[in-house]
Amino acid sequence: MLLEKHMKLLRLYGGLLIQRAHKHTAPRLSEKKLSRCFVDHRRVKVVAGSGGNGASSFHSEPRKEWGGPDGGNGGAGADIIIRVNRQVKSLSSVSTVYRGKDGEAGSSQNCFGRNASPTYIAVPVGTLVKEEGRTLADLSQHGQLYTVAYGGAGGKGNRFFLSNENRAPLTATPGEKGQERVVQLELRTMAHAALVGFPNAGKSSLLRVISNARPAVAAYPFTTLKPHVGIVTYRDHQQLAVADIPGLIPGAHLNRGLGVSFLRHIERCRLLLFVLDMSSAEPWEQFQQLCFELDQYKPQLSHRPRAIVANKMDLPEARGNLEALRSRVHQTVIPVSALTGHNTAQLILHLREMYDSYPQNS
């Protein structure tokens, strides 16, 4: 009987431990919820540190009555510095307020206060720093630094004011206040080419075929919730970055469907690949609507070097639409199938030809 009671208590205690363990286990976020954490703009208030105050004191020791002033200067306040880090992919880790530390105050015996260490803000490559619509910095290189707010200078101690006319100055100045400002950080994808199209046009599937990127693919629209960048590597070791821009919808330039957030990433791309769903009725209208949305957001944006990627050619109704599309547009049309990989090699070669034909400064 005693043994059975002990066994029941052990089972009960073990069950309670298991329940507590499950209770304190953090729930895992799904891939879809994690992708929503992508942030491409942030409003940040930065307040640099103030300088330390200068000291007012006089040297004093036995048998040295007139030691003179020995108040040291205060240290400088901390600067707020934006630093580019290629491992950071989003502005979600950037806080809304940054405050730098103040410099240390000066002290007697001519001791200067210590300068405060700068405060760094890590941002992804391709971040723009703006203030009231004016661009302050374009951060496009890894390791690039930009001082967005300068710390205040340290105050002067009375030793600084010693002169032949004034042998016993009492004056000591306080430290200056650090710079304070509100800036806007905007992330724009750095890529050579952009895949532009409406939802469910097959952009993510196409990027998986031609590059090393592995964006999520599903049989429903708005699968892509953030831009993905893949690298296309050629035999001569030339690498081209291709961005999968989330699907646009009619009225995107009016910020419908978060369109402005997506259109912002296209500005940094030199080449445009319009991906059309050839299984839909009149796919040439998709091309016209996409050009309209781009031009309404920024004039002449759709006139950059471009080509049309006629996707989903594996479907039976796509063959007839291809001939009708070619008769209605003047751009190069490349029929492909992201599902089977048909003709994707021609797309990769044409992308290289476009890159070589249009230098970066154009």
Protein backbone atom coordinates (compact mmCIF):
# COMPACT_ATOMS: atom_id res chain seq x y z
CA MET A 1 0.00 0.00 0.00
CA LEU A 2 2.77 2.42 0.88
CA LEU A 3 4.54 1.69 -2.41
CA GLU A 4 1.36 2.32 -4.41
CA LYS A 5 0.85 5.70 -2.68
CA HIS A 6 4.41 6.71 -3.56
CA MET A 7 3.85 5.73 -7.19
CA LYS A 8 0.66 7.81 -7.38
CA LEU A 9 2.43 10.84 -5.89
CA LEU A 10 5.31 10.50 -8.39
CA ARG A 11 2.88 10.31 -11.34
CA LEU A 12 0.94 13.32 -10.05
CA TYR A 13 4.11 15.36 -9.45
CA GLY A 14 5.49 14.43 -12.85
CA GLY A 15 2.25 15.51 -14.51
CA LEU A 16 2.39 18.89 -12.79
CA LEU A 17 5.96 19.42 -14.00
CA ILE A 18 4.97 18.63 -17.56
CA GLN A 19 2.03 21.04 -17.40
CA ARG A 20 4.26 23.81 -16.06
CA ALA A 21 6.84 23.16 -18.75
CA HIS A 22 4.18 23.44 -21.49
CA LYS A 23 2.78 26.53 -19.82
CA HIS A 24 6.11 28.39 -19.88
CA THR A 25 7.14 27.29 -23.37
CA ALA A 26 6.94 30.26 -25.75
CA PRO A 27 4.68 29.66 -28.75
CA ARG A 28 6.53 29.41 -32.04
CA LEU A 29 5.70 32.00 -34.67
CA SER A 30 4.70 30.78 -38.08
CA GLU A 31 6.65 31.84 -41.17
CA LYS A 32 3.79 34.07 -42.24
CA LYS A 33 3.77 35.93 -38.91
CA LEU A 34 7.54 36.30 -38.96
CA SER A 35 7.43 37.81 -42.45
CA ARG A 36 5.04 40.48 -41.20
CA CYS A 37 7.82 41.75 -38.95
CA PHE A 38 9.55 43.22 -42.01
CA VAL A 39 9.64 47.01 -41.62
CA ASP A 40 10.90 49.29 -44.40
CA HIS A 41 10.31 52.71 -42.82
CA ARG A 42 10.74 54.10 -39.34
CA ARG A 43 10.38 57.51 -37.69
CA VAL A 44 13.19 57.95 -35.17
CA LYS A 45 13.86 60.66 -32.60
CA VAL A 46 17.56 61.02 -31.79
CA VAL A 47 18.93 63.05 -28.86
CA ALA A 48 22.69 63.25 -28.60
CA GLY A 49 24.37 63.45 -25.20
CA SER A 50 25.12 66.75 -23.52
CA GLY A 51 28.63 67.79 -22.62
CA GLY A 52 29.87 67.60 -19.06
CA ASN A 53 30.18 70.76 -16.98
CA GLY A 54 33.53 72.42 -16.37
CA ALA A 55 34.84 72.52 -12.82
CA SER A 56 35.77 75.59 -10.78
CA SER A 57 38.36 74.81 -8.12
CA PHE A 58 41.73 75.96 -6.81
CA HIS A 59 44.80 73.97 -5.98
CA SER A 60 45.36 73.60 -2.28
CA GLU A 61 48.17 71.88 -0.39
CA PRO A 62 50.32 72.65 2.69
CA ARG A 63 52.74 75.55 2.37
CA LYS A 64 51.30 76.47 -1.07
CA GLU A 65 48.66 79.07 -0.37
CA TRP A 66 48.30 80.42 -3.92
CA GLY A 67 48.10 77.22 -5.93
CA GLY A 68 45.97 78.73 -8.66
CA PRO A 69 42.95 77.42 -10.54
CA ASP A 70 42.88 73.70 -11.40
CA GLY A 71 39.31 73.05 -12.59
CA GLY A 72 39.26 70.70 -15.60
CA ASN A 73 37.05 70.72 -18.68
CA GLY A 74 34.00 68.50 -19.08
CA GLY A 75 33.83 65.65 -21.57
CA ALA A 76 31.89 65.70 -24.84
CA GLY A 77 28.45 64.10 -25.12
CA ALA A 78 27.79 60.98 -27.18
CA ASP A 79 27.13 61.23 -30.91
CA ILE A 80 24.29 59.23 -32.51
CA ILE A 81 25.76 57.37 -35.49
CA ILE A 82 23.92 55.28 -38.08
CA ARG A 83 25.97 52.28 -39.20
CA VAL A 84 25.16 50.02 -42.17
CA ASN A 85 25.24 46.29 -41.50
CA ARG A 86 24.59 43.84 -44.32
CA GLN A 87 23.35 41.22 -41.86
CA VAL A 88 20.44 43.45 -40.87
CA LYS A 89 17.56 42.93 -43.30
CA SER A 90 14.83 45.12 -41.83
CA LEU A 91 14.24 48.27 -39.80
CA SER A 92 12.18 46.31 -37.27
CA SER A 93 15.10 46.30 -34.80
CA VAL A 94 15.40 50.10 -34.90
CA SER A 95 13.83 51.83 -31.90
CA THR A 96 11.79 55.00 -32.15
CA VAL A 97 13.94 56.96 -29.65
CA TYR A 98 17.70 57.02 -29.12
CA ARG A 99 19.42 59.05 -26.40
CA GLY A 100 23.16 59.39 -26.12
CA LYS A 101 25.00 59.43 -22.81
CA ASP A 102 26.22 62.70 -21.33
CA GLY A 103 29.91 63.48 -20.96
CA GLU A 104 31.48 63.40 -17.52
CA ALA A 105 32.02 66.64 -15.64
CA GLY A 106 35.49 68.01 -15.04
CA SER A 107 37.05 67.91 -11.59
CA SER A 108 39.85 69.44 -9.59
CA GLN A 109 43.58 68.87 -10.17
CA ASN A 110 43.10 69.65 -13.84
CA CYS A 111 41.21 66.40 -14.45
CA PHE A 112 39.16 66.43 -17.63
CA GLY A 113 35.84 64.59 -17.85
CA ARG A 114 35.63 61.50 -20.03
CA ASN A 115 33.97 61.73 -23.44
CA ALA A 116 30.84 59.60 -23.79
CA SER A 117 30.98 56.66 -26.20
CA PRO A 118 28.87 57.10 -29.35
CA THR A 119 25.52 55.35 -29.75
CA TYR A 120 25.17 53.28 -32.94
CA ILE A 121 22.02 52.47 -34.89
CA ALA A 122 22.34 49.40 -37.13
CA VAL A 123 20.42 49.65 -40.42
CA PRO A 124 20.33 47.51 -43.60
CA VAL A 125 22.09 48.32 -46.83
CA GLY A 126 20.00 50.69 -48.94
CA THR A 127 18.64 52.87 -46.12
CA LEU A 128 17.78 56.50 -46.80
CA VAL A 129 17.93 59.05 -43.99
CA LYS A 130 15.43 61.90 -44.45
CA GLU A 131 14.35 64.95 -42.49
CA GLU A 132 11.16 66.76 -43.47
CA GLY A 133 11.28 65.22 -46.93
CA ARG A 134 14.93 66.19 -47.54
CA THR A 135 17.43 63.36 -48.03
CA LEU A 136 20.33 63.61 -45.61
CA ALA A 137 22.21 60.42 -46.47
CA ASP A 138 22.02 57.49 -48.87
CA LEU A 139 23.56 54.51 -47.11
CA SER A 140 24.36 51.96 -49.79
CA GLN A 141 27.63 50.39 -48.61
CA HIS A 142 28.33 47.91 -45.82
CA GLY A 143 30.07 49.59 -42.88
CA GLN A 144 29.09 53.09 -44.00
CA LEU A 145 28.67 55.59 -41.15
CA TYR A 146 26.55 58.71 -40.86
CA THR A 147 26.47 60.92 -37.78
CA VAL A 148 22.82 61.91 -37.47
CA ALA A 149 23.19 63.90 -34.22
CA TYR A 150 26.31 65.42 -32.68
CA GLY A 151 26.95 65.40 -28.96
CA GLY A 152 27.40 68.64 -27.07
CA ALA A 153 30.86 69.99 -26.33
CA GLY A 154 32.12 69.82 -22.79
CA GLY A 155 32.18 72.93 -20.62
CA LYS A 156 35.39 74.76 -19.75
CA GLY A 157 36.91 74.66 -16.28
CA ASN A 158 38.30 77.77 -14.60
CA ARG A 159 41.84 76.65 -15.46
CA PHE A 160 40.98 77.38 -19.10
CA PHE A 161 40.33 81.06 -18.27
CA LEU A 162 43.68 81.64 -16.53
CA SER A 163 45.53 84.62 -18.02
CA ASN A 164 48.03 87.28 -17.04
CA GLU A 165 45.15 89.68 -16.44
CA ASN A 166 43.10 87.21 -14.40
CA ARG A 167 45.22 84.97 -12.18
CA ALA A 168 42.29 83.62 -10.15
CA PRO A 169 39.32 83.06 -12.48
CA LEU A 170 36.13 81.79 -10.96
CA THR A 171 34.37 81.22 -14.26
CA ALA A 172 33.40 77.69 -15.37
CA THR A 173 30.98 77.03 -18.23
CA PRO A 174 28.34 74.28 -18.41
CA GLY A 175 28.38 71.66 -21.15
CA GLU A 176 26.46 72.25 -24.35
CA LYS A 177 23.29 70.33 -25.09
CA GLY A 178 23.41 67.56 -27.64
CA GLN A 179 21.73 67.87 -31.01
CA GLU A 180 18.11 66.74 -31.15
CA ARG A 181 16.21 65.91 -34.32
CA VAL A 182 13.55 63.65 -35.80
CA VAL A 183 14.49 61.70 -38.93
CA GLN A 184 12.77 59.20 -41.18
CA LEU A 185 14.54 55.99 -42.18
CA GLU A 186 13.43 54.38 -45.44
CA LEU A 187 14.66 51.03 -46.68
CA ARG A 188 14.82 50.59 -50.43
CA THR A 189 15.92 47.25 -51.79
CA MET A 190 19.31 47.29 -53.49
CA ALA A 191 19.04 45.15 -56.62
CA HIS A 192 19.93 45.34 -60.29
CA ALA A 193 16.55 44.14 -61.54
CA ALA A 194 13.03 44.01 -60.12
CA LEU A 195 10.30 41.46 -60.80
CA VAL A 196 7.14 43.56 -61.09
CA GLY A 197 3.68 42.07 -61.40
CA PHE A 198 0.26 41.58 -59.90
CA PRO A 199 -0.37 39.04 -57.13
CA ASN A 200 -0.13 35.36 -58.10
CA ALA A 201 1.76 36.12 -61.33
CA GLY A 202 4.48 33.66 -60.35
CA LYS A 203 7.26 36.10 -59.38
CA SER A 204 8.42 34.12 -56.36
CA SER A 205 8.44 30.86 -58.28
CA LEU A 206 10.44 32.51 -61.04
CA LEU A 207 12.98 33.90 -58.57
CA ARG A 208 13.47 30.43 -57.07
CA VAL A 209 14.25 29.03 -60.54
CA ILE A 210 16.74 31.66 -61.75
CA SER A 211 18.54 32.48 -58.46
CA ASN A 212 19.56 31.15 -55.06
CA ALA A 213 16.63 32.78 -53.24
CA ARG A 214 13.97 30.62 -51.62
CA PRO A 215 10.88 32.78 -51.03
CA ALA A 216 7.63 31.15 -49.94
CA VAL A 217 5.45 29.85 -52.78
CA ALA A 218 1.75 29.01 -52.52
CA ALA A 219 -1.32 28.80 -54.74
CA TYR A 220 -2.94 31.98 -53.41
CA PRO A 221 -2.25 35.71 -53.89
CA PHE A 222 -0.15 37.87 -51.53
CA THR A 223 2.12 34.96 -50.60
CA THR A 224 5.07 37.39 -50.66
CA LEU A 225 4.78 39.95 -47.87
CA LYS A 226 8.27 41.43 -48.12
CA PRO A 227 10.85 41.90 -50.91
CA HIS A 228 13.20 39.00 -51.52
CA VAL A 229 16.54 39.37 -53.29
CA GLY A 230 18.18 36.52 -55.16
CA ILE A 231 21.60 36.35 -56.81
CA VAL A 232 21.98 35.17 -60.42
CA THR A 233 25.54 33.94 -61.02
CA TYR A 234 27.08 33.70 -64.51
CA ARG A 235 30.03 31.68 -65.75
CA ASP A 236 32.33 34.73 -65.76
CA HIS A 237 31.52 35.13 -62.02
CA GLN A 238 29.38 38.21 -62.66
CA GLN A 239 26.52 38.35 -60.16
CA LEU A 240 23.22 40.17 -60.62
CA ALA A 241 20.76 40.81 -57.81
CA VAL A 242 17.08 40.30 -58.69
CA ALA A 243 14.35 41.51 -56.31
CA ASP A 244 10.93 39.91 -55.99
CA ILE A 245 8.67 42.88 -55.26
CA PRO A 246 5.39 41.96 -53.50
CA GLY A 247 2.41 42.01 -55.82
CA LEU A 248 0.90 45.35 -56.76
CA ILE A 249 -2.81 45.99 -57.19
CA PRO A 250 -4.75 48.68 -59.11
CA GLY A 251 -4.47 51.91 -57.12
CA ALA A 252 -1.12 50.99 -55.58
CA HIS A 253 0.15 54.56 -56.12
CA LEU A 254 -2.67 55.66 -53.79
CA ASN A 255 -1.24 53.29 -51.15
CA ARG A 256 -3.90 50.66 -51.69
CA GLY A 257 -2.69 47.32 -50.46
CA LEU A 258 0.43 48.97 -49.01
CA GLY A 259 1.38 49.82 -52.57
CA VAL A 260 3.62 52.78 -51.78
CA SER A 261 5.70 50.59 -49.45
CA PHE A 262 6.26 48.16 -52.33
CA LEU A 263 6.76 50.79 -55.04
CA ARG A 264 9.50 52.38 -52.95
CA HIS A 265 11.74 49.35 -53.51
CA ILE A 266 11.48 49.56 -57.30
CA GLU A 267 13.19 52.97 -57.38
CA ARG A 268 16.59 51.43 -56.63
CA CYS A 269 16.41 48.89 -59.46
CA ARG A 270 18.02 49.70 -62.82
CA LEU A 271 16.16 47.04 -64.82
CA LEU A 272 12.48 46.05 -64.76
CA LEU A 273 11.07 42.63 -65.56
CA PHE A 274 7.27 42.75 -65.87
CA VAL A 275 5.93 39.29 -64.98
CA LEU A 276 2.52 38.62 -66.57
CA ASP A 277 0.14 35.74 -65.96
CA MET A 278 -0.47 34.42 -69.46
CA SER A 279 -3.37 32.25 -68.31
CA SER A 280 -5.50 35.32 -67.56
CA ALA A 281 -7.68 37.05 -70.12
CA GLU A 282 -5.95 39.91 -71.98
CA PRO A 283 -2.59 39.86 -70.14
CA TRP A 284 -1.44 42.95 -72.08
CA GLU A 285 -3.79 44.99 -69.90
CA GLN A 286 -1.77 43.86 -66.87
CA PHE A 287 1.30 45.41 -68.46
CA GLN A 288 -0.48 48.70 -69.11
CA GLN A 289 -1.85 48.85 -65.57
CA LEU A 290 1.56 48.12 -64.06
CA CYS A 291 3.19 50.87 -66.12
CA PHE A 292 0.44 53.27 -65.04
CA GLU A 293 0.96 52.52 -61.35
CA LEU A 294 4.73 53.00 -61.62
CA ASP A 295 4.43 56.28 -63.52
CA GLN A 296 1.87 57.65 -61.10
CA TYR A 297 4.20 56.95 -58.21
CA LYS A 298 7.23 58.44 -59.98
CA PRO A 299 7.11 59.89 -63.53
CA GLN A 300 8.95 57.85 -66.14
CA LEU A 301 9.68 55.04 -63.68
CA SER A 302 8.26 52.42 -66.04
CA HIS A 303 10.47 53.70 -68.89
CA ARG A 304 13.61 52.22 -67.42
CA PRO A 305 15.20 49.33 -69.39
CA ARG A 306 12.53 46.67 -69.29
CA ALA A 307 11.35 43.37 -70.65
CA ILE A 308 8.14 41.37 -70.39
CA VAL A 309 8.26 37.89 -68.87
CA ALA A 310 5.29 35.88 -70.12
CA ASN A 311 4.90 33.37 -67.30
CA LYS A 312 2.77 30.20 -66.95
CA MET A 313 3.30 29.11 -70.54
CA ASP A 314 2.67 25.52 -69.42
CA LEU A 315 -1.08 26.24 -69.28
CA PRO A 316 -3.11 25.56 -72.46
CA GLU A 317 -4.69 29.03 -72.81
CA ALA A 318 -1.32 30.80 -72.62
CA ARG A 319 -0.21 29.95 -76.17
CA GLY A 320 -2.92 31.99 -77.86
CA ASN A 321 -2.44 34.91 -75.46
CA LEU A 322 1.29 35.02 -76.28
CA GLU A 323 0.75 35.91 -79.93
CA ALA A 324 -1.85 38.53 -79.01
CA LEU A 325 0.53 40.05 -76.46
CA ARG A 326 3.39 40.33 -78.94
CA SER A 327 1.14 42.11 -81.41
CA ARG A 328 0.14 44.74 -78.82
CA VAL A 329 3.46 45.64 -77.16
CA HIS A 330 6.83 46.82 -78.44
CA GLN A 331 8.99 45.43 -75.66
CA THR A 332 10.88 42.15 -75.71
CA VAL A 333 8.63 39.27 -74.64
CA ILE A 334 10.24 36.18 -73.12
CA PRO A 335 7.85 33.23 -72.68
CA VAL A 336 8.76 31.08 -69.66
CA SER A 337 7.27 28.60 -67.26
CA ALA A 338 8.42 28.96 -63.68
CA LEU A 339 6.76 25.63 -62.88
CA THR A 340 8.67 23.53 -65.43
CA GLY A 341 11.70 25.81 -65.88
CA HIS A 342 11.04 26.12 -69.62
CA ASN A 343 13.02 28.90 -71.35
CA THR A 344 14.34 30.35 -68.08
CA ALA A 345 17.89 30.11 -69.50
CA GLN A 346 16.91 32.62 -72.19
CA LEU A 347 15.58 34.94 -69.51
CA ILE A 348 18.87 34.76 -67.61
CA LEU A 349 20.86 35.53 -70.78
CA HIS A 350 18.59 38.43 -71.73
CA LEU A 351 18.92 39.86 -68.23
CA ARG A 352 22.70 39.89 -68.67
CA GLU A 353 22.37 41.58 -72.06
CA MET A 354 20.20 44.29 -70.52
CA TYR A 355 22.70 44.79 -67.71
CA ASP A 356 25.64 45.13 -70.11
CA SER A 357 23.73 47.44 -72.45
CA TYR A 358 22.70 49.96 -69.79
CA PRO A 359 25.58 51.06 -67.51
CA GLN A 360 24.88 52.09 -63.96
CA ASN A 361 25.30 55.81 -64.53
CA SER A 362 22.55 55.78 -67.15
